[in-house]
N, C-alpha and C. Protein backbone atom coordinates (compact mmCIF):
# COMPACT_ATOMS: atom_id res chain seq x y z
N MET A 1 -5.49 -46.38 27.46
CA MET A 1 -6.32 -47.14 26.55
C MET A 1 -7.78 -46.96 26.93
N LEU A 2 -8.65 -46.78 25.91
CA LEU A 2 -10.07 -46.56 26.15
C LEU A 2 -10.76 -47.89 26.42
N ASN A 3 -11.73 -47.84 27.31
CA ASN A 3 -12.55 -49.04 27.47
C ASN A 3 -13.61 -49.04 26.38
N VAL A 4 -14.30 -50.11 26.18
CA VAL A 4 -15.25 -50.29 25.09
C VAL A 4 -16.41 -49.30 25.19
N SER A 5 -16.96 -49.07 26.36
CA SER A 5 -18.11 -48.18 26.48
C SER A 5 -17.73 -46.73 26.14
N ALA A 6 -16.55 -46.29 26.53
CA ALA A 6 -16.09 -44.94 26.19
C ALA A 6 -15.89 -44.81 24.69
N HIS A 7 -15.36 -45.87 24.08
CA HIS A 7 -15.12 -45.88 22.64
C HIS A 7 -16.45 -45.74 21.87
N LEU A 8 -17.49 -46.42 22.31
CA LEU A 8 -18.79 -46.36 21.65
C LEU A 8 -19.42 -44.98 21.79
N VAL A 9 -19.18 -44.28 22.88
CA VAL A 9 -19.71 -42.93 23.08
C VAL A 9 -18.99 -41.94 22.16
N LEU A 10 -17.68 -42.11 21.95
CA LEU A 10 -16.90 -41.18 21.13
C LEU A 10 -17.11 -41.37 19.64
N MET A 11 -17.49 -42.57 19.19
CA MET A 11 -17.62 -42.83 17.76
C MET A 11 -18.62 -41.89 17.06
N PRO A 12 -19.83 -41.68 17.59
CA PRO A 12 -20.75 -40.75 16.90
C PRO A 12 -20.17 -39.35 16.78
N ARG A 13 -19.45 -38.90 17.80
CA ARG A 13 -18.83 -37.56 17.73
C ARG A 13 -17.80 -37.51 16.62
N LEU A 14 -16.99 -38.54 16.50
CA LEU A 14 -15.96 -38.57 15.47
C LEU A 14 -16.59 -38.53 14.07
N PHE A 15 -17.66 -39.32 13.86
CA PHE A 15 -18.32 -39.32 12.56
C PHE A 15 -18.98 -37.99 12.28
N LYS A 16 -19.58 -37.39 13.30
CA LYS A 16 -20.22 -36.08 13.12
C LYS A 16 -19.17 -35.04 12.75
N ASN A 17 -18.04 -35.02 13.46
CA ASN A 17 -16.97 -34.06 13.17
C ASN A 17 -16.40 -34.31 11.77
N ARG A 18 -16.29 -35.57 11.38
CA ARG A 18 -15.75 -35.89 10.06
C ARG A 18 -16.69 -35.38 8.97
N ARG A 19 -18.01 -35.51 9.18
CA ARG A 19 -18.97 -35.00 8.20
C ARG A 19 -18.87 -33.48 8.10
N ILE A 20 -18.73 -32.81 9.23
CA ILE A 20 -18.60 -31.35 9.22
C ILE A 20 -17.33 -30.95 8.49
N LEU A 21 -16.23 -31.64 8.77
CA LEU A 21 -14.97 -31.33 8.11
C LEU A 21 -15.06 -31.60 6.60
N THR A 22 -15.72 -32.68 6.22
CA THR A 22 -15.85 -33.01 4.80
C THR A 22 -16.68 -31.96 4.09
N ARG A 23 -17.79 -31.55 4.69
CA ARG A 23 -18.62 -30.50 4.09
C ARG A 23 -17.85 -29.19 4.00
N GLY A 24 -17.15 -28.85 5.05
CA GLY A 24 -16.36 -27.62 5.05
C GLY A 24 -15.29 -27.65 3.98
N ALA A 25 -14.64 -28.80 3.82
CA ALA A 25 -13.61 -28.93 2.79
C ALA A 25 -14.21 -28.79 1.40
N ALA A 26 -15.41 -29.33 1.20
CA ALA A 26 -16.06 -29.23 -0.11
C ALA A 26 -16.42 -27.77 -0.42
N VAL A 27 -16.93 -27.06 0.56
CA VAL A 27 -17.27 -25.64 0.36
C VAL A 27 -16.00 -24.85 0.07
N LEU A 28 -14.94 -25.10 0.83
CA LEU A 28 -13.68 -24.41 0.61
C LEU A 28 -13.12 -24.70 -0.78
N ALA A 29 -13.18 -25.96 -1.20
CA ALA A 29 -12.69 -26.32 -2.53
C ALA A 29 -13.49 -25.60 -3.62
N GLY A 30 -14.80 -25.50 -3.45
CA GLY A 30 -15.62 -24.78 -4.42
C GLY A 30 -15.25 -23.31 -4.50
N ALA A 31 -15.07 -22.70 -3.33
CA ALA A 31 -14.69 -21.28 -3.30
C ALA A 31 -13.33 -21.06 -3.94
N LEU A 32 -12.39 -21.96 -3.66
CA LEU A 32 -11.06 -21.84 -4.27
C LEU A 32 -11.12 -22.03 -5.78
N ALA A 33 -11.98 -22.93 -6.23
CA ALA A 33 -12.13 -23.14 -7.68
C ALA A 33 -12.68 -21.89 -8.35
N LEU A 34 -13.68 -21.24 -7.72
CA LEU A 34 -14.24 -20.00 -8.27
C LEU A 34 -13.16 -18.93 -8.33
N CYS A 35 -12.42 -18.77 -7.23
CA CYS A 35 -11.35 -17.76 -7.20
C CYS A 35 -10.29 -18.06 -8.25
N ALA A 36 -9.91 -19.32 -8.39
CA ALA A 36 -8.90 -19.69 -9.38
C ALA A 36 -9.40 -19.39 -10.79
N GLY A 37 -10.69 -19.68 -11.04
CA GLY A 37 -11.25 -19.38 -12.35
C GLY A 37 -11.19 -17.90 -12.66
N LEU A 38 -11.52 -17.09 -11.67
CA LEU A 38 -11.44 -15.64 -11.86
C LEU A 38 -9.99 -15.20 -12.02
N TYR A 39 -9.13 -15.76 -11.18
CA TYR A 39 -7.73 -15.35 -11.17
C TYR A 39 -7.04 -15.67 -12.50
N PHE A 40 -7.31 -16.84 -13.05
CA PHE A 40 -6.64 -17.25 -14.27
C PHE A 40 -7.46 -16.97 -15.52
N GLY A 41 -8.52 -16.14 -15.37
CA GLY A 41 -9.28 -15.72 -16.54
C GLY A 41 -10.12 -16.82 -17.14
N GLY A 42 -10.76 -17.63 -16.31
CA GLY A 42 -11.52 -18.76 -16.79
C GLY A 42 -12.83 -18.42 -17.44
N PHE A 43 -13.23 -17.15 -17.51
CA PHE A 43 -14.48 -16.79 -18.15
C PHE A 43 -14.19 -16.30 -19.56
N GLY A 44 -15.03 -16.69 -20.50
CA GLY A 44 -14.89 -16.21 -21.87
C GLY A 44 -15.69 -14.93 -22.04
N GLY A 45 -15.31 -14.08 -22.97
CA GLY A 45 -16.06 -12.87 -23.26
C GLY A 45 -15.97 -11.88 -22.11
N ASP A 46 -17.06 -11.17 -21.91
CA ASP A 46 -17.12 -10.15 -20.86
C ASP A 46 -17.65 -10.78 -19.58
N PRO A 47 -16.78 -11.07 -18.61
CA PRO A 47 -17.22 -11.76 -17.40
C PRO A 47 -18.10 -10.89 -16.50
N THR A 48 -18.14 -9.60 -16.72
CA THR A 48 -18.97 -8.75 -15.87
C THR A 48 -20.44 -8.89 -16.23
N GLY A 49 -20.71 -9.36 -17.45
CA GLY A 49 -22.10 -9.55 -17.86
C GLY A 49 -22.76 -8.28 -18.35
N THR A 50 -22.20 -7.14 -18.08
CA THR A 50 -22.76 -5.87 -18.52
C THR A 50 -21.66 -5.09 -19.21
N ASP A 51 -21.85 -4.81 -20.48
CA ASP A 51 -20.84 -4.06 -21.21
C ASP A 51 -21.12 -2.57 -21.02
N LEU A 52 -20.33 -1.93 -20.19
CA LEU A 52 -20.52 -0.51 -19.90
C LEU A 52 -19.66 0.39 -20.77
N ARG A 53 -18.84 -0.22 -21.64
CA ARG A 53 -17.93 0.59 -22.47
C ARG A 53 -18.70 1.63 -23.27
N GLY A 54 -18.19 2.84 -23.21
CA GLY A 54 -18.79 3.95 -23.94
C GLY A 54 -19.92 4.64 -23.20
N LYS A 55 -20.36 4.08 -22.09
CA LYS A 55 -21.45 4.68 -21.34
C LYS A 55 -20.92 5.77 -20.41
N ASP A 56 -21.77 6.72 -20.11
CA ASP A 56 -21.44 7.81 -19.21
C ASP A 56 -21.24 7.25 -17.80
N ALA A 57 -20.21 7.72 -17.13
CA ALA A 57 -19.91 7.26 -15.78
C ALA A 57 -20.53 8.16 -14.72
N ALA A 58 -21.65 8.82 -15.04
CA ALA A 58 -22.30 9.77 -14.12
C ALA A 58 -22.65 9.11 -12.79
N MET A 59 -23.13 7.87 -12.83
CA MET A 59 -23.48 7.19 -11.58
C MET A 59 -22.25 7.04 -10.67
N LEU A 60 -21.13 6.69 -11.28
CA LEU A 60 -19.88 6.55 -10.53
C LEU A 60 -19.44 7.90 -9.98
N PHE A 61 -19.51 8.95 -10.80
CA PHE A 61 -19.09 10.28 -10.36
C PHE A 61 -20.01 10.86 -9.30
N GLY A 62 -21.21 10.35 -9.19
CA GLY A 62 -22.16 10.81 -8.18
C GLY A 62 -21.94 10.20 -6.80
N LEU A 63 -21.02 9.25 -6.70
CA LEU A 63 -20.77 8.58 -5.41
C LEU A 63 -19.88 9.41 -4.50
N ALA A 64 -20.13 9.29 -3.21
CA ALA A 64 -19.26 9.88 -2.18
C ALA A 64 -19.13 8.84 -1.07
N LEU A 65 -17.90 8.54 -0.71
CA LEU A 65 -17.62 7.55 0.34
C LEU A 65 -16.55 8.11 1.27
N PRO A 66 -16.52 7.63 2.52
CA PRO A 66 -15.49 8.12 3.44
C PRO A 66 -14.12 7.51 3.12
N ASP A 67 -13.08 8.31 3.37
CA ASP A 67 -11.72 7.78 3.25
C ASP A 67 -11.31 7.18 4.59
N THR A 68 -10.07 6.78 4.73
CA THR A 68 -9.63 6.11 5.96
C THR A 68 -9.61 7.05 7.16
N ALA A 69 -9.67 8.37 6.92
CA ALA A 69 -9.73 9.33 8.01
C ALA A 69 -11.17 9.71 8.34
N GLY A 70 -12.14 9.14 7.61
CA GLY A 70 -13.54 9.42 7.86
C GLY A 70 -14.10 10.60 7.10
N ARG A 71 -13.29 11.24 6.23
CA ARG A 71 -13.75 12.38 5.43
C ARG A 71 -14.45 11.88 4.17
N GLU A 72 -15.64 12.44 3.87
CA GLU A 72 -16.36 12.09 2.64
C GLU A 72 -15.55 12.55 1.44
N GLN A 73 -15.41 11.66 0.49
CA GLN A 73 -14.70 11.98 -0.76
C GLN A 73 -15.64 11.70 -1.93
N SER A 74 -15.90 12.70 -2.75
CA SER A 74 -16.72 12.53 -3.93
C SER A 74 -15.85 12.03 -5.07
N ILE A 75 -16.28 10.98 -5.73
CA ILE A 75 -15.52 10.47 -6.86
C ILE A 75 -15.54 11.49 -8.00
N GLY A 76 -16.55 12.35 -8.03
CA GLY A 76 -16.65 13.39 -9.04
C GLY A 76 -15.48 14.36 -9.03
N GLN A 77 -14.76 14.45 -7.91
CA GLN A 77 -13.61 15.37 -7.85
C GLN A 77 -12.51 14.98 -8.83
N TRP A 78 -12.52 13.74 -9.32
CA TRP A 78 -11.49 13.27 -10.25
C TRP A 78 -11.97 13.25 -11.69
N LYS A 79 -13.13 13.85 -11.95
CA LYS A 79 -13.64 13.91 -13.32
C LYS A 79 -12.65 14.72 -14.15
N GLY A 80 -12.42 14.29 -15.39
CA GLY A 80 -11.44 14.96 -16.26
C GLY A 80 -10.10 14.26 -16.27
N LYS A 81 -9.92 13.30 -15.37
CA LYS A 81 -8.70 12.49 -15.33
C LYS A 81 -9.03 11.11 -15.89
N VAL A 82 -8.00 10.36 -16.22
CA VAL A 82 -8.19 8.94 -16.50
C VAL A 82 -8.34 8.31 -15.12
N LEU A 83 -9.52 7.79 -14.86
CA LEU A 83 -9.87 7.30 -13.53
C LEU A 83 -9.97 5.79 -13.53
N ILE A 84 -9.26 5.15 -12.62
CA ILE A 84 -9.33 3.70 -12.46
C ILE A 84 -9.84 3.43 -11.05
N VAL A 85 -11.07 2.93 -10.98
CA VAL A 85 -11.72 2.63 -9.70
C VAL A 85 -11.68 1.12 -9.50
N ASN A 86 -11.06 0.72 -8.39
CA ASN A 86 -10.84 -0.69 -8.12
C ASN A 86 -11.55 -1.09 -6.83
N PHE A 87 -12.49 -2.05 -6.93
CA PHE A 87 -13.14 -2.63 -5.76
C PHE A 87 -12.26 -3.77 -5.26
N TRP A 88 -11.92 -3.75 -3.99
CA TRP A 88 -10.97 -4.71 -3.44
C TRP A 88 -11.27 -4.96 -1.97
N ALA A 89 -10.53 -5.90 -1.38
CA ALA A 89 -10.62 -6.19 0.06
C ALA A 89 -9.29 -6.72 0.55
N THR A 90 -9.00 -6.50 1.81
CA THR A 90 -7.74 -6.98 2.38
C THR A 90 -7.67 -8.51 2.41
N TRP A 91 -8.82 -9.18 2.46
CA TRP A 91 -8.85 -10.64 2.51
C TRP A 91 -8.82 -11.27 1.13
N CYS A 92 -8.82 -10.46 0.07
CA CYS A 92 -8.84 -10.94 -1.32
C CYS A 92 -7.40 -11.05 -1.84
N VAL A 93 -6.91 -12.26 -1.98
CA VAL A 93 -5.52 -12.47 -2.39
C VAL A 93 -5.22 -11.86 -3.77
N PRO A 94 -6.06 -12.09 -4.80
CA PRO A 94 -5.76 -11.45 -6.09
C PRO A 94 -5.75 -9.92 -6.01
N CYS A 95 -6.59 -9.36 -5.14
CA CYS A 95 -6.60 -7.90 -4.95
C CYS A 95 -5.24 -7.45 -4.41
N ARG A 96 -4.79 -8.12 -3.39
CA ARG A 96 -3.52 -7.76 -2.75
C ARG A 96 -2.36 -7.90 -3.73
N GLU A 97 -2.45 -8.90 -4.62
CA GLU A 97 -1.36 -9.13 -5.57
C GLU A 97 -1.30 -8.07 -6.67
N GLU A 98 -2.45 -7.52 -7.08
CA GLU A 98 -2.43 -6.54 -8.17
C GLU A 98 -2.18 -5.11 -7.68
N MET A 99 -2.40 -4.83 -6.42
CA MET A 99 -2.32 -3.45 -5.94
C MET A 99 -0.92 -2.83 -6.04
N PRO A 100 0.18 -3.57 -5.85
CA PRO A 100 1.49 -2.93 -6.04
C PRO A 100 1.68 -2.37 -7.45
N GLN A 101 1.11 -3.01 -8.46
CA GLN A 101 1.23 -2.45 -9.82
C GLN A 101 0.40 -1.18 -9.96
N PHE A 102 -0.69 -1.06 -9.19
CA PHE A 102 -1.48 0.18 -9.19
C PHE A 102 -0.67 1.31 -8.55
N VAL A 103 0.01 0.99 -7.46
CA VAL A 103 0.86 1.99 -6.78
C VAL A 103 1.94 2.47 -7.74
N LYS A 104 2.54 1.53 -8.46
CA LYS A 104 3.60 1.86 -9.42
C LYS A 104 3.04 2.74 -10.55
N ALA A 105 1.89 2.38 -11.10
CA ALA A 105 1.30 3.15 -12.19
C ALA A 105 0.89 4.55 -11.72
N GLN A 106 0.35 4.66 -10.49
CA GLN A 106 -0.04 5.97 -9.96
C GLN A 106 1.20 6.86 -9.83
N ARG A 107 2.29 6.28 -9.37
CA ARG A 107 3.54 7.04 -9.23
C ARG A 107 4.06 7.46 -10.62
N GLU A 108 4.00 6.56 -11.58
CA GLU A 108 4.55 6.82 -12.90
C GLU A 108 3.69 7.75 -13.75
N PHE A 109 2.35 7.62 -13.68
CA PHE A 109 1.48 8.35 -14.58
C PHE A 109 0.58 9.40 -13.90
N GLY A 110 0.65 9.52 -12.59
CA GLY A 110 -0.23 10.43 -11.86
C GLY A 110 -0.12 11.87 -12.33
N GLU A 111 1.08 12.34 -12.59
CA GLU A 111 1.27 13.72 -13.03
C GLU A 111 0.73 13.97 -14.43
N ARG A 112 0.51 12.90 -15.18
CA ARG A 112 -0.02 13.03 -16.55
C ARG A 112 -1.54 12.92 -16.58
N GLY A 113 -2.17 12.79 -15.40
CA GLY A 113 -3.63 12.80 -15.36
C GLY A 113 -4.28 11.47 -15.02
N LEU A 114 -3.52 10.53 -14.47
CA LEU A 114 -4.09 9.24 -14.04
C LEU A 114 -4.45 9.31 -12.57
N GLN A 115 -5.61 8.77 -12.22
CA GLN A 115 -5.99 8.71 -10.81
C GLN A 115 -6.62 7.35 -10.49
N PHE A 116 -5.96 6.62 -9.60
CA PHE A 116 -6.54 5.39 -9.06
C PHE A 116 -7.36 5.75 -7.83
N VAL A 117 -8.45 5.04 -7.62
CA VAL A 117 -9.24 5.14 -6.40
C VAL A 117 -9.63 3.72 -6.03
N GLY A 118 -9.32 3.34 -4.80
CA GLY A 118 -9.72 2.02 -4.32
C GLY A 118 -10.98 2.13 -3.48
N ILE A 119 -11.93 1.24 -3.71
CA ILE A 119 -13.12 1.16 -2.87
C ILE A 119 -13.04 -0.16 -2.13
N ALA A 120 -12.81 -0.08 -0.83
CA ALA A 120 -12.57 -1.27 -0.02
C ALA A 120 -13.88 -1.88 0.47
N VAL A 121 -13.98 -3.18 0.25
CA VAL A 121 -15.10 -3.98 0.76
C VAL A 121 -14.58 -4.55 2.08
N ASP A 122 -14.43 -3.67 3.05
CA ASP A 122 -13.73 -4.02 4.27
C ASP A 122 -13.98 -2.96 5.33
N ASP A 123 -13.43 -3.18 6.53
CA ASP A 123 -13.58 -2.15 7.56
C ASP A 123 -12.34 -1.27 7.61
N VAL A 124 -12.51 -0.09 8.15
CA VAL A 124 -11.49 0.96 8.08
C VAL A 124 -10.18 0.55 8.74
N GLY A 125 -10.21 -0.15 9.85
CA GLY A 125 -8.97 -0.54 10.53
C GLY A 125 -8.08 -1.42 9.67
N LYS A 126 -8.68 -2.42 9.04
CA LYS A 126 -7.91 -3.32 8.17
C LYS A 126 -7.38 -2.58 6.95
N VAL A 127 -8.18 -1.67 6.41
CA VAL A 127 -7.76 -0.91 5.24
C VAL A 127 -6.58 0.00 5.60
N LYS A 128 -6.66 0.68 6.75
CA LYS A 128 -5.56 1.55 7.19
C LYS A 128 -4.27 0.76 7.33
N ASP A 129 -4.34 -0.41 7.97
CA ASP A 129 -3.15 -1.23 8.18
C ASP A 129 -2.55 -1.67 6.85
N PHE A 130 -3.39 -2.14 5.93
CA PHE A 130 -2.89 -2.61 4.65
C PHE A 130 -2.35 -1.46 3.82
N ALA A 131 -3.02 -0.31 3.84
CA ALA A 131 -2.55 0.86 3.09
C ALA A 131 -1.16 1.29 3.57
N ALA A 132 -0.95 1.24 4.88
CA ALA A 132 0.37 1.59 5.43
C ALA A 132 1.42 0.56 5.02
N GLU A 133 1.06 -0.70 5.08
CA GLU A 133 1.98 -1.78 4.71
C GLU A 133 2.40 -1.66 3.25
N LEU A 134 1.47 -1.27 2.38
CA LEU A 134 1.72 -1.19 0.94
C LEU A 134 2.27 0.16 0.51
N SER A 135 2.24 1.16 1.40
CA SER A 135 2.58 2.55 1.05
C SER A 135 1.66 3.02 -0.07
N LEU A 136 0.36 2.83 0.13
CA LEU A 136 -0.65 3.18 -0.86
C LEU A 136 -0.58 4.67 -1.17
N ASN A 137 -0.47 5.01 -2.44
CA ASN A 137 -0.32 6.40 -2.85
C ASN A 137 -1.55 6.93 -3.58
N TYR A 138 -2.68 6.29 -3.40
CA TYR A 138 -3.93 6.76 -3.97
C TYR A 138 -5.03 6.56 -2.93
N PRO A 139 -6.16 7.26 -3.07
CA PRO A 139 -7.21 7.19 -2.05
C PRO A 139 -7.81 5.79 -1.90
N ALA A 140 -7.99 5.39 -0.66
CA ALA A 140 -8.71 4.16 -0.32
C ALA A 140 -9.99 4.61 0.36
N LEU A 141 -11.10 4.41 -0.32
CA LEU A 141 -12.39 4.79 0.23
C LEU A 141 -13.04 3.55 0.85
N ILE A 142 -13.82 3.77 1.89
CA ILE A 142 -14.41 2.66 2.64
C ILE A 142 -15.85 2.45 2.18
N GLY A 143 -16.05 1.35 1.48
CA GLY A 143 -17.39 1.00 1.03
C GLY A 143 -18.06 0.00 1.95
N GLY A 144 -17.27 -0.61 2.84
CA GLY A 144 -17.81 -1.64 3.71
C GLY A 144 -18.31 -2.81 2.88
N TYR A 145 -19.05 -3.68 3.53
CA TYR A 145 -19.50 -4.88 2.84
C TYR A 145 -20.64 -4.59 1.86
N GLY A 146 -21.25 -3.42 1.95
CA GLY A 146 -22.25 -3.00 0.98
C GLY A 146 -21.66 -2.62 -0.37
N ALA A 147 -20.34 -2.49 -0.43
CA ALA A 147 -19.69 -2.11 -1.69
C ALA A 147 -19.82 -3.19 -2.75
N ILE A 148 -20.05 -4.43 -2.36
CA ILE A 148 -20.28 -5.49 -3.35
C ILE A 148 -21.55 -5.17 -4.14
N GLU A 149 -22.60 -4.77 -3.42
CA GLU A 149 -23.85 -4.40 -4.11
C GLU A 149 -23.62 -3.18 -5.00
N LEU A 150 -22.84 -2.24 -4.53
CA LEU A 150 -22.50 -1.07 -5.33
C LEU A 150 -21.79 -1.50 -6.61
N SER A 151 -20.82 -2.40 -6.48
CA SER A 151 -20.09 -2.86 -7.67
C SER A 151 -21.02 -3.59 -8.64
N LYS A 152 -22.02 -4.31 -8.12
CA LYS A 152 -22.99 -4.98 -8.99
C LYS A 152 -23.78 -3.96 -9.80
N SER A 153 -24.14 -2.84 -9.18
CA SER A 153 -24.90 -1.80 -9.89
C SER A 153 -24.04 -1.13 -10.96
N LEU A 154 -22.72 -1.31 -10.87
CA LEU A 154 -21.79 -0.73 -11.84
C LEU A 154 -21.28 -1.76 -12.84
N GLY A 155 -21.91 -2.94 -12.87
CA GLY A 155 -21.58 -3.93 -13.89
C GLY A 155 -20.94 -5.22 -13.40
N ASN A 156 -20.67 -5.35 -12.13
CA ASN A 156 -20.03 -6.55 -11.60
C ASN A 156 -21.10 -7.62 -11.32
N ARG A 157 -21.57 -8.26 -12.38
CA ARG A 157 -22.68 -9.21 -12.29
C ARG A 157 -22.44 -10.31 -11.26
N LEU A 158 -21.20 -10.78 -11.15
CA LEU A 158 -20.90 -11.88 -10.23
C LEU A 158 -20.67 -11.44 -8.79
N GLY A 159 -20.44 -10.16 -8.58
CA GLY A 159 -20.18 -9.68 -7.23
C GLY A 159 -18.86 -10.21 -6.68
N ALA A 160 -17.90 -10.45 -7.56
CA ALA A 160 -16.59 -10.99 -7.15
C ALA A 160 -15.55 -9.87 -7.14
N LEU A 161 -14.43 -10.15 -6.52
CA LEU A 161 -13.33 -9.19 -6.43
C LEU A 161 -12.05 -9.80 -6.98
N PRO A 162 -11.15 -8.96 -7.44
CA PRO A 162 -11.26 -7.52 -7.66
C PRO A 162 -12.10 -7.20 -8.88
N PHE A 163 -12.68 -6.02 -8.86
CA PHE A 163 -13.47 -5.51 -9.98
C PHE A 163 -13.01 -4.09 -10.24
N THR A 164 -12.70 -3.79 -11.50
CA THR A 164 -12.11 -2.49 -11.85
C THR A 164 -12.89 -1.84 -12.98
N ILE A 165 -13.10 -0.54 -12.83
CA ILE A 165 -13.77 0.28 -13.84
C ILE A 165 -12.76 1.33 -14.30
N ILE A 166 -12.59 1.45 -15.62
CA ILE A 166 -11.65 2.41 -16.18
C ILE A 166 -12.45 3.45 -16.96
N VAL A 167 -12.28 4.72 -16.58
CA VAL A 167 -13.04 5.83 -17.15
C VAL A 167 -12.06 6.77 -17.85
N ASP A 168 -12.42 7.18 -19.06
CA ASP A 168 -11.55 8.09 -19.80
C ASP A 168 -11.74 9.54 -19.34
N ARG A 169 -10.96 10.45 -19.90
CA ARG A 169 -11.00 11.86 -19.49
C ARG A 169 -12.35 12.52 -19.76
N SER A 170 -13.09 12.01 -20.74
CA SER A 170 -14.38 12.61 -21.07
C SER A 170 -15.50 12.10 -20.17
N GLY A 171 -15.18 11.18 -19.24
CA GLY A 171 -16.18 10.69 -18.30
C GLY A 171 -16.96 9.49 -18.81
N ARG A 172 -16.41 8.79 -19.79
CA ARG A 172 -17.05 7.60 -20.32
C ARG A 172 -16.29 6.35 -19.87
N VAL A 173 -17.04 5.29 -19.62
CA VAL A 173 -16.42 4.03 -19.21
C VAL A 173 -15.68 3.46 -20.42
N ASN A 174 -14.39 3.28 -20.27
CA ASN A 174 -13.58 2.71 -21.34
C ASN A 174 -13.55 1.19 -21.24
N ASN A 175 -13.56 0.68 -20.00
CA ASN A 175 -13.44 -0.76 -19.80
C ASN A 175 -13.86 -1.12 -18.38
N THR A 176 -14.30 -2.36 -18.20
CA THR A 176 -14.48 -2.93 -16.87
C THR A 176 -13.75 -4.25 -16.87
N HIS A 177 -13.28 -4.64 -15.70
CA HIS A 177 -12.50 -5.88 -15.64
C HIS A 177 -12.78 -6.59 -14.32
N LEU A 178 -13.17 -7.85 -14.42
CA LEU A 178 -13.37 -8.69 -13.25
C LEU A 178 -12.16 -9.59 -13.10
N GLY A 179 -11.57 -9.59 -11.92
CA GLY A 179 -10.35 -10.36 -11.68
C GLY A 179 -9.14 -9.44 -11.78
N PRO A 180 -7.98 -9.97 -11.45
CA PRO A 180 -6.77 -9.13 -11.48
C PRO A 180 -6.39 -8.74 -12.91
N ILE A 181 -5.87 -7.55 -13.04
CA ILE A 181 -5.42 -7.04 -14.34
C ILE A 181 -3.93 -7.33 -14.48
N LYS A 182 -3.56 -7.92 -15.58
CA LYS A 182 -2.13 -8.18 -15.84
C LYS A 182 -1.42 -6.86 -16.10
N GLN A 183 -0.18 -6.77 -15.65
CA GLN A 183 0.62 -5.54 -15.75
C GLN A 183 0.66 -5.01 -17.18
N ALA A 184 0.92 -5.87 -18.16
CA ALA A 184 1.03 -5.42 -19.55
C ALA A 184 -0.30 -4.83 -20.04
N ASN A 185 -1.41 -5.45 -19.68
CA ASN A 185 -2.73 -4.93 -20.08
C ASN A 185 -3.01 -3.58 -19.43
N LEU A 186 -2.68 -3.46 -18.15
CA LEU A 186 -2.88 -2.21 -17.43
C LEU A 186 -2.08 -1.08 -18.09
N ASP A 187 -0.79 -1.34 -18.34
CA ASP A 187 0.05 -0.32 -18.95
C ASP A 187 -0.47 0.10 -20.32
N ALA A 188 -0.92 -0.88 -21.12
CA ALA A 188 -1.44 -0.58 -22.46
C ALA A 188 -2.69 0.29 -22.38
N MET A 189 -3.61 -0.05 -21.45
CA MET A 189 -4.83 0.75 -21.31
C MET A 189 -4.52 2.17 -20.88
N ILE A 190 -3.61 2.30 -19.91
CA ILE A 190 -3.26 3.64 -19.41
C ILE A 190 -2.63 4.47 -20.50
N ARG A 191 -1.67 3.90 -21.22
CA ARG A 191 -0.98 4.65 -22.29
C ARG A 191 -1.96 5.08 -23.38
N GLN A 192 -2.91 4.21 -23.71
CA GLN A 192 -3.91 4.53 -24.72
C GLN A 192 -4.78 5.71 -24.29
N LEU A 193 -5.13 5.79 -23.01
CA LEU A 193 -6.05 6.82 -22.53
C LEU A 193 -5.35 8.13 -22.18
N LEU A 194 -4.08 8.08 -21.85
CA LEU A 194 -3.38 9.32 -21.52
C LEU A 194 -2.94 10.00 -22.81
């Protein structure tokens, strides 16, 4: 049992810790609300804020980033294919949830000219581990934490993940999508472009 003087010394610490926990919980709740809004499509219209449809994807094709082995990969090498570039991170739950459907689509449509490319907003070690766990069958390029700024320059006004750019065979942006893509929508877009 605590004596009275010890109890009085501990009280300010308890209140201070409670305030920190309350503030932390409020920040976490806000972040979860933002993620839930993105996840469940809570934005009306074009959530990216920039309609890139029909525009030339030259800026995207001009990029070169290292793969998980450290080799520079030019995105331009996939010009002429239906290209789906997905910005993601291992810590992004919606990203992790949509990636198995990308693996499936790459396996199903790759021979017909579809190419997925992932740009990870993460470090190479985590990306390698997750790619192995998922049996990733398309390139995972390492953009690091600067890839968020890169995605903003490509239309991701909010800088949120996942963010996907879909480019047709002629090198024009067909669509951009902020948040996870539903399987039926993905399949419809791919079939339309192939």
